[in-house]
Amino acid sequence: MTIKLVKSLSGRSVKQIATAKSLGLSRIGDVSVQPDNAPTSGKIAKISHMVVVTKA
């Protein structure tokens, strides 16, 4: 799955920033390709309001 960060990390909680960075996202427009598994889905659920997910 492809994950794109569309909202800023500034002003977010430390946990949300850490989750985004663990997915390889650090600035608006960053795109990361991650495996479609349970841990990745859990991370996406935590920051779903900041990312756009495309299942490939």
C-alpha atoms as a PDB file:
ATOM      1  CA  MET A   1       0.000   0.000   0.000  1.00  0.00           C
ATOM      2  CA  THR A   2       1.095   3.547  -0.708  1.00  0.00           C
ATOM      3  CA  ILE A   3       0.799   6.121   2.056  1.00  0.00           C
ATOM      4  CA  LYS A   4       1.029   9.882   1.472  1.00  0.00           C
ATOM      5  CA  LEU A   5       1.232  12.515   4.212  1.00  0.00           C
ATOM      6  CA  VAL A   6      -1.220  15.316   3.411  1.00  0.00           C
ATOM      7  CA  LYS A   7      -1.401  17.218   6.717  1.00  0.00           C
ATOM      8  CA  SER A   8       1.397  18.820   8.701  1.00  0.00           C
ATOM      9  CA  LEU A   9       2.995  17.145  11.709  1.00  0.00           C
ATOM     10  CA  SER A  10       3.448  20.436  13.532  1.00  0.00           C
ATOM     11  CA  GLY A  11       1.236  20.749  16.580  1.00  0.00           C
ATOM     12  CA  ARG A  12       0.586  16.996  16.712  1.00  0.00           C
ATOM     13  CA  SER A  13       1.250  14.769  19.703  1.00  0.00           C
ATOM     14  CA  VAL A  14       4.633  13.132  20.137  1.00  0.00           C
ATOM     15  CA  LYS A  15       3.057   9.705  19.518  1.00  0.00           C
ATOM     16  CA  GLN A  16       1.482  10.802  16.224  1.00  0.00           C
ATOM     17  CA  ILE A  17       4.780  12.260  15.008  1.00  0.00           C
ATOM     18  CA  ALA A  18       6.610   9.056  15.984  1.00  0.00           C
ATOM     19  CA  THR A  19       4.016   6.960  14.147  1.00  0.00           C
ATOM     20  CA  ALA A  20       4.375   9.037  10.980  1.00  0.00           C
ATOM     21  CA  LYS A  21       8.165   8.801  11.127  1.00  0.00           C
ATOM     22  CA  SER A  22       7.992   5.021  11.629  1.00  0.00           C
ATOM     23  CA  LEU A  23       6.048   4.875   8.359  1.00  0.00           C
ATOM     24  CA  GLY A  24       8.767   6.935   6.650  1.00  0.00           C
ATOM     25  CA  LEU A  25       6.780  10.185   6.529  1.00  0.00           C
ATOM     26  CA  SER A  26       8.300  13.420   7.781  1.00  0.00           C
ATOM     27  CA  ARG A  27       6.941  16.266   5.656  1.00  0.00           C
ATOM     28  CA  ILE A  28       3.826  17.059   3.650  1.00  0.00           C
ATOM     29  CA  GLY A  29       3.863  15.243   0.314  1.00  0.00           C
ATOM     30  CA  ASP A  30       6.114  12.394   1.453  1.00  0.00           C
ATOM     31  CA  VAL A  31       5.106   9.028  -0.003  1.00  0.00           C
ATOM     32  CA  SER A  32       5.964   5.636   1.445  1.00  0.00           C
ATOM     33  CA  VAL A  33       5.251   2.105   0.228  1.00  0.00           C
ATOM     34  CA  GLN A  34       4.505  -0.272   3.102  1.00  0.00           C
ATOM     35  CA  PRO A  35       3.352  -3.908   3.286  1.00  0.00           C
ATOM     36  CA  ASP A  36      -0.362  -4.508   3.802  1.00  0.00           C
ATOM     37  CA  ASN A  37      -0.288  -6.173   7.233  1.00  0.00           C
ATOM     38  CA  ALA A  38      -1.789  -5.710  10.699  1.00  0.00           C
ATOM     39  CA  PRO A  39       0.982  -3.550  12.259  1.00  0.00           C
ATOM     40  CA  THR A  40       0.969  -1.154   9.308  1.00  0.00           C
ATOM     41  CA  SER A  41      -2.826  -0.931   9.354  1.00  0.00           C
ATOM     42  CA  GLY A  42      -2.717  -0.088  13.062  1.00  0.00           C
ATOM     43  CA  LYS A  43      -0.236   2.719  12.487  1.00  0.00           C
ATOM     44  CA  ILE A  44      -2.356   4.121   9.667  1.00  0.00           C
ATOM     45  CA  ALA A  45      -5.436   4.024  11.922  1.00  0.00           C
ATOM     46  CA  LYS A  46      -3.629   6.204  14.484  1.00  0.00           C
ATOM     47  CA  ILE A  47      -2.883   8.952  11.946  1.00  0.00           C
ATOM     48  CA  SER A  48      -5.692   8.337   9.427  1.00  0.00           C
ATOM     49  CA  HIS A  49      -6.718  12.014   9.533  1.00  0.00           C
ATOM     50  CA  MET A  50      -3.275  13.051   8.220  1.00  0.00           C
ATOM     51  CA  VAL A  51      -2.661  10.514   5.453  1.00  0.00           C
ATOM     52  CA  VAL A  52      -4.136   9.251   2.193  1.00  0.00           C
ATOM     53  CA  VAL A  53      -3.792   5.511   1.586  1.00  0.00           C
ATOM     54  CA  THR A  54      -3.830   3.849  -1.827  1.00  0.00           C
ATOM     55  CA  LYS A  55      -3.991   0.076  -1.953  1.00  0.00           C
ATOM     56  CA  ALA A  56      -1.896  -1.150  -4.850  1.00  0.00           C
END
